[in-house]
Amino acid sequence: MNVWLWGATALLLGLVPCGWLALRASRVDALVALQTAGTVVTLVLLLLAEGFNRAAYTGVALILAFVSFVGILVIARFMGRHV
């Protein structure tokens, strides 16, 4: 294991509070927790790509960053209609 994989493992622990908030908090706070989880997972994927020394895996992280951002905007718009 190298320092990149240790960093990815440490960041994965940051998903625990995001999951707890997504389940227990209000809808707006859960949306913020979901956005934060998307950011953390993107960083984890970037660290894993560097840790495994595979540049091709970086594309997965970049696509996830875009898709999670667009997904949050769609969810926020949907929530705005039904509040």
PDB file of N, CA and C in Angstrom:
ATOM      1  N   MET A   1       0.846  -1.176   0.000  1.00  0.00           N
ATOM      2  CA  MET A   1       0.000   0.000   0.000  1.00  0.00           C
ATOM      3  C   MET A   1       0.890   1.237   0.000  1.00  0.00           C
ATOM      4  N   ASN A   2       0.466   2.214  -0.768  1.00  0.00           N
ATOM      5  CA  ASN A   2       1.202   3.457  -0.806  1.00  0.00           C
ATOM      6  C   ASN A   2       0.371   4.579  -0.181  1.00  0.00           C
ATOM      7  N   VAL A   3       0.926   5.771  -0.183  1.00  0.00           N
ATOM      8  CA  VAL A   3       0.276   6.892   0.490  1.00  0.00           C
ATOM      9  C   VAL A   3      -1.043   7.280  -0.186  1.00  0.00           C
ATOM     10  N   TRP A   4      -1.177   7.062  -1.491  1.00  0.00           N
ATOM     11  CA  TRP A   4      -2.408   7.392  -2.197  1.00  0.00           C
ATOM     12  C   TRP A   4      -3.555   6.481  -1.747  1.00  0.00           C
ATOM     13  N   LEU A   5      -3.261   5.213  -1.568  1.00  0.00           N
ATOM     14  CA  LEU A   5      -4.300   4.284  -1.125  1.00  0.00           C
ATOM     15  C   LEU A   5      -4.681   4.523   0.328  1.00  0.00           C
ATOM     16  N   TRP A   6      -3.699   4.901   1.158  1.00  0.00           N
ATOM     17  CA  TRP A   6      -4.018   5.259   2.545  1.00  0.00           C
ATOM     18  C   TRP A   6      -4.911   6.497   2.585  1.00  0.00           C
ATOM     19  N   GLY A   7      -4.622   7.464   1.727  1.00  0.00           N
ATOM     20  CA  GLY A   7      -5.452   8.666   1.667  1.00  0.00           C
ATOM     21  C   GLY A   7      -6.871   8.357   1.216  1.00  0.00           C
ATOM     22  N   ALA A   8      -7.012   7.455   0.240  1.00  0.00           N
ATOM     23  CA  ALA A   8      -8.340   7.064  -0.219  1.00  0.00           C
ATOM     24  C   ALA A   8      -9.117   6.366   0.891  1.00  0.00           C
ATOM     25  N   THR A   9      -8.428   5.529   1.646  1.00  0.00           N
ATOM     26  CA  THR A   9      -9.081   4.841   2.763  1.00  0.00           C
ATOM     27  C   THR A   9      -9.531   5.830   3.835  1.00  0.00           C
ATOM     28  N   ALA A  10      -8.691   6.817   4.118  1.00  0.00           N
ATOM     29  CA  ALA A  10      -9.050   7.825   5.123  1.00  0.00           C
ATOM     30  C   ALA A  10     -10.246   8.654   4.656  1.00  0.00           C
ATOM     31  N   LEU A  11     -10.280   8.987   3.380  1.00  0.00           N
ATOM     32  CA  LEU A  11     -11.406   9.770   2.866  1.00  0.00           C
ATOM     33  C   LEU A  11     -12.709   8.982   2.871  1.00  0.00           C
ATOM     34  N   LEU A  12     -12.604   7.673   2.718  1.00  0.00           N
ATOM     35  CA  LEU A  12     -13.820   6.862   2.762  1.00  0.00           C
ATOM     36  C   LEU A  12     -14.520   6.948   4.113  1.00  0.00           C
ATOM     37  N   LEU A  13     -13.757   7.205   5.154  1.00  0.00           N
ATOM     38  CA  LEU A  13     -14.377   7.387   6.469  1.00  0.00           C
ATOM     39  C   LEU A  13     -15.242   8.643   6.511  1.00  0.00           C
ATOM     40  N   GLY A  14     -14.967   9.582   5.611  1.00  0.00           N
ATOM     41  CA  GLY A  14     -15.784  10.788   5.535  1.00  0.00           C
ATOM     42  C   GLY A  14     -17.168  10.546   4.978  1.00  0.00           C
ATOM     43  N   LEU A  15     -17.406   9.382   4.427  1.00  0.00           N
ATOM     44  CA  LEU A  15     -18.735   9.057   3.918  1.00  0.00           C
ATOM     45  C   LEU A  15     -19.712   8.679   5.024  1.00  0.00           C
ATOM     46  N   VAL A  16     -19.194   8.288   6.170  1.00  0.00           N
ATOM     47  CA  VAL A  16     -20.071   7.882   7.281  1.00  0.00           C
ATOM     48  C   VAL A  16     -20.953   9.040   7.744  1.00  0.00           C
ATOM     49  N   PRO A  17     -20.396  10.232   8.034  1.00  0.00           N
ATOM     50  CA  PRO A  17     -21.284  11.330   8.429  1.00  0.00           C
ATOM     51  C   PRO A  17     -22.230  11.762   7.310  1.00  0.00           C
ATOM     52  N   CYS A  18     -21.781  11.656   6.065  1.00  0.00           N
ATOM     53  CA  CYS A  18     -22.660  12.013   4.944  1.00  0.00           C
ATOM     54  C   CYS A  18     -23.859  11.069   4.889  1.00  0.00           C
ATOM     55  N   GLY A  19     -23.615   9.793   5.064  1.00  0.00           N
ATOM     56  CA  GLY A  19     -24.709   8.830   5.072  1.00  0.00           C
ATOM     57  C   GLY A  19     -25.650   9.021   6.229  1.00  0.00           C
ATOM     58  N   TRP A  20     -25.092   9.342   7.388  1.00  0.00           N
ATOM     59  CA  TRP A  20     -25.930   9.574   8.567  1.00  0.00           C
ATOM     60  C   TRP A  20     -26.828  10.787   8.349  1.00  0.00           C
ATOM     61  N   LEU A  21     -26.255  11.867   7.814  1.00  0.00           N
ATOM     62  CA  LEU A  21     -27.064  13.056   7.540  1.00  0.00           C
ATOM     63  C   LEU A  21     -28.103  12.797   6.458  1.00  0.00           C
ATOM     64  N   ALA A  22     -27.741  12.039   5.456  1.00  0.00           N
ATOM     65  CA  ALA A  22     -28.688  11.752   4.385  1.00  0.00           C
ATOM     66  C   ALA A  22     -29.897  10.971   4.896  1.00  0.00           C
ATOM     67  N   LEU A  23     -29.690  10.155   5.914  1.00  0.00           N
ATOM     68  CA  LEU A  23     -30.792   9.368   6.457  1.00  0.00           C
ATOM     69  C   LEU A  23     -31.586  10.092   7.539  1.00  0.00           C
ATOM     70  N   ARG A  24     -30.934  10.943   8.327  1.00  0.00           N
ATOM     71  CA  ARG A  24     -31.569  11.507   9.512  1.00  0.00           C
ATOM     72  C   ARG A  24     -31.955  12.975   9.410  1.00  0.00           C
ATOM     73  N   ALA A  25     -31.361  13.736   8.515  1.00  0.00           N
ATOM     74  CA  ALA A  25     -31.571  15.179   8.485  1.00  0.00           C
ATOM     75  C   ALA A  25     -32.765  15.540   7.607  1.00  0.00           C
ATOM     76  N   SER A  26     -33.044  16.833   7.554  1.00  0.00           N
ATOM     77  CA  SER A  26     -34.123  17.305   6.692  1.00  0.00           C
ATOM     78  C   SER A  26     -33.732  17.105   5.235  1.00  0.00           C
ATOM     79  N   ARG A  27     -34.678  17.338   4.345  1.00  0.00           N
ATOM     80  CA  ARG A  27     -34.421  17.072   2.927  1.00  0.00           C
ATOM     81  C   ARG A  27     -33.332  17.968   2.358  1.00  0.00           C
ATOM     82  N   VAL A  28     -33.309  19.224   2.763  1.00  0.00           N
ATOM     83  CA  VAL A  28     -32.288  20.139   2.246  1.00  0.00           C
ATOM     84  C   VAL A  28     -30.909  19.747   2.785  1.00  0.00           C
ATOM     85  N   ASP A  29     -30.834  19.414   4.060  1.00  0.00           N
ATOM     86  CA  ASP A  29     -29.559  18.976   4.634  1.00  0.00           C
ATOM     87  C   ASP A  29     -29.103  17.650   4.022  1.00  0.00           C
ATOM     88  N   ALA A  30     -30.038  16.777   3.722  1.00  0.00           N
ATOM     89  CA  ALA A  30     -29.693  15.510   3.071  1.00  0.00           C
ATOM     90  C   ALA A  30     -29.152  15.754   1.663  1.00  0.00           C
ATOM     91  N   LEU A  31     -29.674  16.764   0.990  1.00  0.00           N
ATOM     92  CA  LEU A  31     -29.166  17.115  -0.336  1.00  0.00           C
ATOM     93  C   LEU A  31     -27.724  17.620  -0.255  1.00  0.00           C
ATOM     94  N   VAL A  32     -27.441  18.412   0.759  1.00  0.00           N
ATOM     95  CA  VAL A  32     -26.066  18.888   0.966  1.00  0.00           C
ATOM     96  C   VAL A  32     -25.145  17.710   1.292  1.00  0.00           C
ATOM     97  N   ALA A  33     -25.618  16.776   2.101  1.00  0.00           N
ATOM     98  CA  ALA A  33     -24.817  15.596   2.425  1.00  0.00           C
ATOM     99  C   ALA A  33     -24.568  14.750   1.181  1.00  0.00           C
ATOM    100  N   LEU A  34     -25.541  14.662   0.308  1.00  0.00           N
ATOM    101  CA  LEU A  34     -25.377  13.908  -0.931  1.00  0.00           C
ATOM    102  C   LEU A  34     -24.348  14.570  -1.842  1.00  0.00           C
ATOM    103  N   GLN A  35     -24.385  15.900  -1.919  1.00  0.00           N
ATOM    104  CA  GLN A  35     -23.394  16.611  -2.730  1.00  0.00           C
ATOM    105  C   GLN A  35     -21.991  16.434  -2.155  1.00  0.00           C
ATOM    106  N   THR A  36     -21.872  16.491  -0.846  1.00  0.00           N
ATOM    107  CA  THR A  36     -20.581  16.294  -0.199  1.00  0.00           C
ATOM    108  C   THR A  36     -20.071  14.869  -0.433  1.00  0.00           C
ATOM    109  N   ALA A  37     -20.967  13.905  -0.357  1.00  0.00           N
ATOM    110  CA  ALA A  37     -20.569  12.514  -0.611  1.00  0.00           C
ATOM    111  C   ALA A  37     -20.085  12.338  -2.047  1.00  0.00           C
ATOM    112  N   GLY A  38     -20.721  13.011  -2.984  1.00  0.00           N
ATOM    113  CA  GLY A  38     -20.266  12.938  -4.369  1.00  0.00           C
ATOM    114  C   GLY A  38     -18.870  13.512  -4.537  1.00  0.00           C
ATOM    115  N   THR A  39     -18.581  14.594  -3.838  1.00  0.00           N
ATOM    116  CA  THR A  39     -17.252  15.191  -3.888  1.00  0.00           C
ATOM    117  C   THR A  39     -16.214  14.266  -3.268  1.00  0.00           C
ATOM    118  N   VAL A  40     -16.562  13.666  -2.139  1.00  0.00           N
ATOM    119  CA  VAL A  40     -15.629  12.763  -1.459  1.00  0.00           C
ATOM    120  C   VAL A  40     -15.345  11.537  -2.321  1.00  0.00           C
ATOM    121  N   VAL A  41     -16.370  10.976  -2.927  1.00  0.00           N
ATOM    122  CA  VAL A  41     -16.170   9.793  -3.764  1.00  0.00           C
ATOM    123  C   VAL A  41     -15.333  10.138  -4.995  1.00  0.00           C
ATOM    124  N   THR A  42     -15.524  11.330  -5.547  1.00  0.00           N
ATOM    125  CA  THR A  42     -14.696  11.757  -6.675  1.00  0.00           C
ATOM    126  C   THR A  42     -13.232  11.837  -6.265  1.00  0.00           C
ATOM    127  N   LEU A  43     -12.966  12.409  -5.102  1.00  0.00           N
ATOM    128  CA  LEU A  43     -11.590  12.479  -4.615  1.00  0.00           C
ATOM    129  C   LEU A  43     -11.018  11.099  -4.336  1.00  0.00           C
ATOM    130  N   VAL A  44     -11.834  10.214  -3.798  1.00  0.00           N
ATOM    131  CA  VAL A  44     -11.382   8.841  -3.542  1.00  0.00           C
ATOM    132  C   VAL A  44     -11.003   8.152  -4.850  1.00  0.00           C
ATOM    133  N   LEU A  45     -11.821   8.328  -5.877  1.00  0.00           N
ATOM    134  CA  LEU A  45     -11.508   7.710  -7.164  1.00  0.00           C
ATOM    135  C   LEU A  45     -10.236   8.287  -7.775  1.00  0.00           C
ATOM    136  N   LEU A  46     -10.006   9.575  -7.612  1.00  0.00           N
ATOM    137  CA  LEU A  46      -8.761  10.167  -8.097  1.00  0.00           C
ATOM    138  C   LEU A  46      -7.560   9.604  -7.346  1.00  0.00           C
ATOM    139  N   LEU A  47      -7.687   9.446  -6.042  1.00  0.00           N
ATOM    140  CA  LEU A  47      -6.586   8.875  -5.258  1.00  0.00           C
ATOM    141  C   LEU A  47      -6.349   7.410  -5.620  1.00  0.00           C
ATOM    142  N   LEU A  48      -7.405   6.675  -5.861  1.00  0.00           N
ATOM    143  CA  LEU A  48      -7.241   5.277  -6.265  1.00  0.00           C
ATOM    144  C   LEU A  48      -6.576   5.168  -7.633  1.00  0.00           C
ATOM    145  N   ALA A  49      -6.929   6.065  -8.548  1.00  0.00           N
ATOM    146  CA  ALA A  49      -6.296   6.055  -9.868  1.00  0.00           C
ATOM    147  C   ALA A  49      -4.805   6.314  -9.747  1.00  0.00           C
ATOM    148  N   GLU A  50      -4.441   7.239  -8.890  1.00  0.00           N
ATOM    149  CA  GLU A  50      -3.017   7.522  -8.688  1.00  0.00           C
ATOM    150  C   GLU A  50      -2.339   6.391  -7.914  1.00  0.00           C
ATOM    151  N   GLY A  51      -3.038   5.829  -6.930  1.00  0.00           N
ATOM    152  CA  GLY A  51      -2.466   4.752  -6.128  1.00  0.00           C
ATOM    153  C   GLY A  51      -2.206   3.489  -6.927  1.00  0.00           C
ATOM    154  N   PHE A  52      -3.106   3.175  -7.866  1.00  0.00           N
ATOM    155  CA  PHE A  52      -2.921   2.001  -8.710  1.00  0.00           C
ATOM    156  C   PHE A  52      -2.122   2.314  -9.968  1.00  0.00           C
ATOM    157  N   ASN A  53      -1.736   3.580 -10.114  1.00  0.00           N
ATOM    158  CA  ASN A  53      -0.905   4.024 -11.225  1.00  0.00           C
ATOM    159  C   ASN A  53      -1.588   3.761 -12.573  1.00  0.00           C
ATOM    160  N   ARG A  54      -2.882   4.074 -12.646  1.00  0.00           N
ATOM    161  CA  ARG A  54      -3.668   3.891 -13.863  1.00  0.00           C
ATOM    162  C   ARG A  54      -4.281   5.233 -14.247  1.00  0.00           C
ATOM    163  N   ALA A  55      -3.728   5.867 -15.244  1.00  0.00           N
ATOM    164  CA  ALA A  55      -4.225   7.174 -15.675  1.00  0.00           C
ATOM    165  C   ALA A  55      -5.617   7.070 -16.293  1.00  0.00           C
ATOM    166  N   ALA A  56      -5.955   5.932 -16.836  1.00  0.00           N
ATOM    167  CA  ALA A  56      -7.263   5.764 -17.471  1.00  0.00           C
ATOM    168  C   ALA A  56      -8.393   5.841 -16.449  1.00  0.00           C
ATOM    169  N   TYR A  57      -8.136   5.482 -15.214  1.00  0.00           N
ATOM    170  CA  TYR A  57      -9.174   5.528 -14.186  1.00  0.00           C
ATOM    171  C   TYR A  57      -9.531   6.954 -13.789  1.00  0.00           C
ATOM    172  N   THR A  58      -8.699   7.908 -14.140  1.00  0.00           N
ATOM    173  CA  THR A  58      -8.977   9.297 -13.809  1.00  0.00           C
ATOM    174  C   THR A  58     -10.235   9.773 -14.523  1.00  0.00           C
ATOM    175  N   GLY A  59     -10.479   9.262 -15.710  1.00  0.00           N
ATOM    176  CA  GLY A  59     -11.678   9.633 -16.460  1.00  0.00           C
ATOM    177  C   GLY A  59     -12.955   9.286 -15.726  1.00  0.00           C
ATOM    178  N   VAL A  60     -12.953   8.190 -15.014  1.00  0.00           N
ATOM    179  CA  VAL A  60     -14.133   7.791 -14.242  1.00  0.00           C
ATOM    180  C   VAL A  60     -14.436   8.831 -13.170  1.00  0.00           C
ATOM    181  N   ALA A  61     -13.400   9.316 -12.495  1.00  0.00           N
ATOM    182  CA  ALA A  61     -13.589  10.320 -11.455  1.00  0.00           C
ATOM    183  C   ALA A  61     -14.100  11.631 -12.054  1.00  0.00           C
ATOM    184  N   LEU A  62     -13.568  12.025 -13.180  1.00  0.00           N
ATOM    185  CA  LEU A  62     -14.009  13.273 -13.804  1.00  0.00           C
ATOM    186  C   LEU A  62     -15.444  13.187 -14.299  1.00  0.00           C
ATOM    187  N   ILE A  63     -15.828  12.035 -14.838  1.00  0.00           N
ATOM    188  CA  ILE A  63     -17.221  11.851 -15.269  1.00  0.00           C
ATOM    189  C   ILE A  63     -18.147  11.849 -14.062  1.00  0.00           C
ATOM    190  N   LEU A  64     -17.731  11.220 -12.970  1.00  0.00           N
ATOM    191  CA  LEU A  64     -18.543  11.219 -11.757  1.00  0.00           C
ATOM    192  C   LEU A  64     -18.739  12.632 -11.223  1.00  0.00           C
ATOM    193  N   ALA A  65     -17.710  13.454 -11.270  1.00  0.00           N
ATOM    194  CA  ALA A  65     -17.833  14.835 -10.793  1.00  0.00           C
ATOM    195  C   ALA A  65     -18.905  15.573 -11.589  1.00  0.00           C
ATOM    196  N   PHE A  66     -18.894  15.420 -12.899  1.00  0.00           N
ATOM    197  CA  PHE A  66     -19.891  16.091 -13.733  1.00  0.00           C
ATOM    198  C   PHE A  66     -21.287  15.531 -13.497  1.00  0.00           C
ATOM    199  N   VAL A  67     -21.414  14.215 -13.478  1.00  0.00           N
ATOM    200  CA  VAL A  67     -22.728  13.589 -13.337  1.00  0.00           C
ATOM    201  C   VAL A  67     -23.335  13.876 -11.964  1.00  0.00           C
ATOM    202  N   SER A  68     -22.527  13.857 -10.922  1.00  0.00           N
ATOM    203  CA  SER A  68     -23.077  14.136  -9.595  1.00  0.00           C
ATOM    204  C   SER A  68     -23.524  15.584  -9.478  1.00  0.00           C
ATOM    205  N   PHE A  69     -22.791  16.511 -10.104  1.00  0.00           N
ATOM    206  CA  PHE A  69     -23.195  17.914 -10.078  1.00  0.00           C
ATOM    207  C   PHE A  69     -24.524  18.112 -10.800  1.00  0.00           C
ATOM    208  N   VAL A  70     -24.651  17.537 -11.983  1.00  0.00           N
ATOM    209  CA  VAL A  70     -25.891  17.662 -12.743  1.00  0.00           C
ATOM    210  C   VAL A  70     -27.040  16.961 -12.015  1.00  0.00           C
ATOM    211  N   GLY A  71     -26.757  15.822 -11.425  1.00  0.00           N
ATOM    212  CA  GLY A  71     -27.795  15.109 -10.679  1.00  0.00           C
ATOM    213  C   GLY A  71     -28.316  15.902  -9.493  1.00  0.00           C
ATOM    214  N   ILE A  72     -27.425  16.570  -8.794  1.00  0.00           N
ATOM    215  CA  ILE A  72     -27.854  17.386  -7.656  1.00  0.00           C
ATOM    216  C   ILE A  72     -28.711  18.549  -8.130  1.00  0.00           C
ATOM    217  N   LEU A  73     -28.360  19.151  -9.265  1.00  0.00           N
ATOM    218  CA  LEU A  73     -29.182  20.240  -9.799  1.00  0.00           C
ATOM    219  C   LEU A  73     -30.578  19.756 -10.166  1.00  0.00           C
ATOM    220  N   VAL A  74     -30.672  18.565 -10.733  1.00  0.00           N
ATOM    221  CA  VAL A  74     -31.981  18.005 -11.090  1.00  0.00           C
ATOM    222  C   VAL A  74     -32.792  17.719  -9.833  1.00  0.00           C
ATOM    223  N   ILE A  75     -32.165  17.145  -8.835  1.00  0.00           N
ATOM    224  CA  ILE A  75     -32.869  16.851  -7.586  1.00  0.00           C
ATOM    225  C   ILE A  75     -33.323  18.140  -6.904  1.00  0.00           C
ATOM    226  N   ALA A  76     -32.468  19.159  -6.897  1.00  0.00           N
ATOM    227  CA  ALA A  76     -32.838  20.438  -6.284  1.00  0.00           C
ATOM    228  C   ALA A  76     -34.019  21.074  -7.011  1.00  0.00           C
ATOM    229  N   ARG A  77     -34.030  20.982  -8.316  1.00  0.00           N
ATOM    230  CA  ARG A  77     -35.153  21.524  -9.078  1.00  0.00           C
ATOM    231  C   ARG A  77     -36.430  20.754  -8.780  1.00  0.00           C
ATOM    232  N   PHE A  78     -36.328  19.442  -8.677  1.00  0.00           N
ATOM    233  CA  PHE A  78     -37.492  18.625  -8.348  1.00  0.00           C
ATOM    234  C   PHE A  78     -38.012  18.962  -6.952  1.00  0.00           C
ATOM    235  N   MET A  79     -37.087  19.148  -6.013  1.00  0.00           N
ATOM    236  CA  MET A  79     -37.488  19.488  -4.646  1.00  0.00           C
ATOM    237  C   MET A  79     -38.124  20.873  -4.581  1.00  0.00           C
ATOM    238  N   GLY A  80     -37.683  21.773  -5.439  1.00  0.00           N
ATOM    239  CA  GLY A  80     -38.257  23.122  -5.467  1.00  0.00           C
ATOM    240  C   GLY A  80     -39.702  23.130  -5.917  1.00  0.00           C
ATOM    241  N   ARG A  81     -40.078  22.197  -6.765  1.00  0.00           N
ATOM    242  CA  ARG A  81     -41.458  22.115  -7.227  1.00  0.00           C
ATOM    243  C   ARG A  81     -42.386  21.545  -6.174  1.00  0.00           C
ATOM    244  N   HIS A  82     -41.870  20.697  -5.313  1.00  0.00           N
ATOM    245  CA  HIS A  82     -42.720  19.950  -4.372  1.00  0.00           C
ATOM    246  C   HIS A  82     -42.564  20.387  -2.931  1.00  0.00           C
ATOM    247  N   VAL A  83     -42.116  21.599  -2.712  1.00  0.00           N
ATOM    248  CA  VAL A  83     -41.970  22.072  -1.322  1.00  0.00           C
ATOM    249  C   VAL A  83     -43.207  22.788  -0.899  1.00  0.00           C
TER     250      VAL A  83
END
